[in-house]
Protein backbone atom coordinates (compact mmCIF):
# COMPACT_ATOMS: atom_id res chain seq x y z
CA MET A 1 57.21 -6.43 -1.66
CA ASN A 2 56.59 -2.91 -1.03
CA ILE A 3 54.72 -2.16 -4.44
CA THR A 4 53.12 -5.75 -3.98
CA THR A 5 51.97 -4.67 -0.64
CA ARG A 6 51.03 -0.81 -1.86
CA TYR A 7 48.67 -2.68 -4.82
CA ASN A 8 46.89 -4.91 -2.45
CA ASN A 9 46.31 -2.26 0.10
CA VAL A 10 44.78 -0.32 -2.98
CA ASP A 11 42.62 -3.47 -3.87
CA ILE A 12 41.39 -3.71 -0.66
CA PHE A 13 40.91 0.18 -0.03
CA HIS A 14 38.40 -0.10 -3.58
CA TRP A 15 36.75 -3.16 -2.44
CA VAL A 16 35.93 -2.05 1.13
CA THR A 17 34.85 1.41 -0.82
CA SER A 18 32.97 -0.39 -3.17
CA THR A 19 31.28 -2.82 -0.47
CA HIS A 20 30.93 0.44 1.94
CA VAL A 21 28.61 1.94 -1.45
CA PHE A 22 27.19 -1.10 -1.92
CA PHE A 23 25.42 -1.14 1.63
CA SER A 24 24.91 2.05 1.59
CA VAL A 25 22.65 2.01 -1.83
CA SER A 26 20.68 -1.25 -0.62
CA CYS A 27 20.18 0.07 3.03
CA ARG A 28 19.11 3.02 1.23
CA THR A 29 17.09 1.00 -0.75
CA LYS A 30 15.38 -1.15 1.38
CA ILE A 31 14.70 2.41 3.68
CA GLN A 32 12.78 3.84 0.75
CA LEU A 33 10.76 0.20 0.10
CA ALA A 34 9.83 0.42 3.88
CA ASN A 35 8.41 3.80 2.89
CA GLU A 36 7.05 2.93 -0.15
CA ILE A 37 5.11 -0.25 1.51
CA ASP A 38 4.26 1.83 4.38
CA ASP A 39 2.64 4.49 2.25
CA TYR A 40 1.05 1.95 0.65
CA THR A 41 -0.52 0.11 3.44
CA LYS A 42 -2.00 3.36 4.44
CA LYS A 43 -3.54 4.09 1.29
CA LEU A 44 -4.89 0.49 1.24
CA LEU A 45 -6.70 1.09 4.57
CA GLU A 46 -8.10 4.51 3.42
CA ASP A 47 -9.42 2.68 0.81
CA TYR A 48 -11.34 -0.36 2.56
CA GLU A 49 -12.36 2.56 5.22
CA ASP A 50 -14.32 4.34 1.51
CA LEU A 51 -15.36 0.46 0.27
CA ASP A 52 -17.11 0.05 3.73
CA LYS A 53 -18.60 3.60 3.09
CA LEU A 54 -19.91 2.87 -0.16
CA SER A 55 -21.18 -0.41 1.39
CA ILE A 56 -22.89 0.91 4.05
CA GLN A 57 -24.46 3.54 1.22
CA ALA A 58 -25.22 0.92 -0.91
CA ASP A 59 -27.27 -0.99 2.13
CA ILE A 60 -29.23 1.95 2.82
CA TRP A 61 -30.42 2.61 -0.34
CA HIS A 62 -31.54 -1.24 -0.95
CA SER A 63 -32.99 -0.90 1.67
CA LYS A 64 -34.90 2.47 1.09
CA TYR A 65 -36.12 0.61 -2.05
CA LYS A 66 -37.18 -1.77 -0.85
CA ALA A 67 -39.14 -0.41 2.07
CA SER A 68 -40.59 2.13 -1.51
CA ARG A 69 -41.52 -1.34 -3.54
CA SER A 70 -42.90 -3.24 -0.49
CA VAL A 71 -45.18 0.47 0.38
CA ASN A 72 -46.09 0.65 -3.15
CA LEU A 73 -47.22 -3.29 -3.46
CA HIS A 74 -48.92 -2.56 -0.50
CA ASN A 75 -50.72 0.35 -1.87
CA ASN A 76 -51.58 -0.84 -4.52
CA ASN A 77 -53.34 -4.13 -3.11
CA GLN A 78 -55.86 -1.85 -1.21
CA LEU A 79 -56.56 -0.49 -4.44
CA PHE A 80 -57.96 -3.47 -5.84
């Protein structure tokens, strides 16, 4: 009976140890994933800001093009 109890305690020890390792790795993995998600979120926000800046620059250049085109058409019409 003493040997059976000893094996049961060893089995329980291994189960507790392996469970602890599993949860430790699982928690560490979740923390790493959370940090990666946070990094990707920051990168996405930076990319959206860059996209907004590029969109504004595109609108400015489009407006400049339309204005110069309008001025050129106006000047050409005055010649005729």
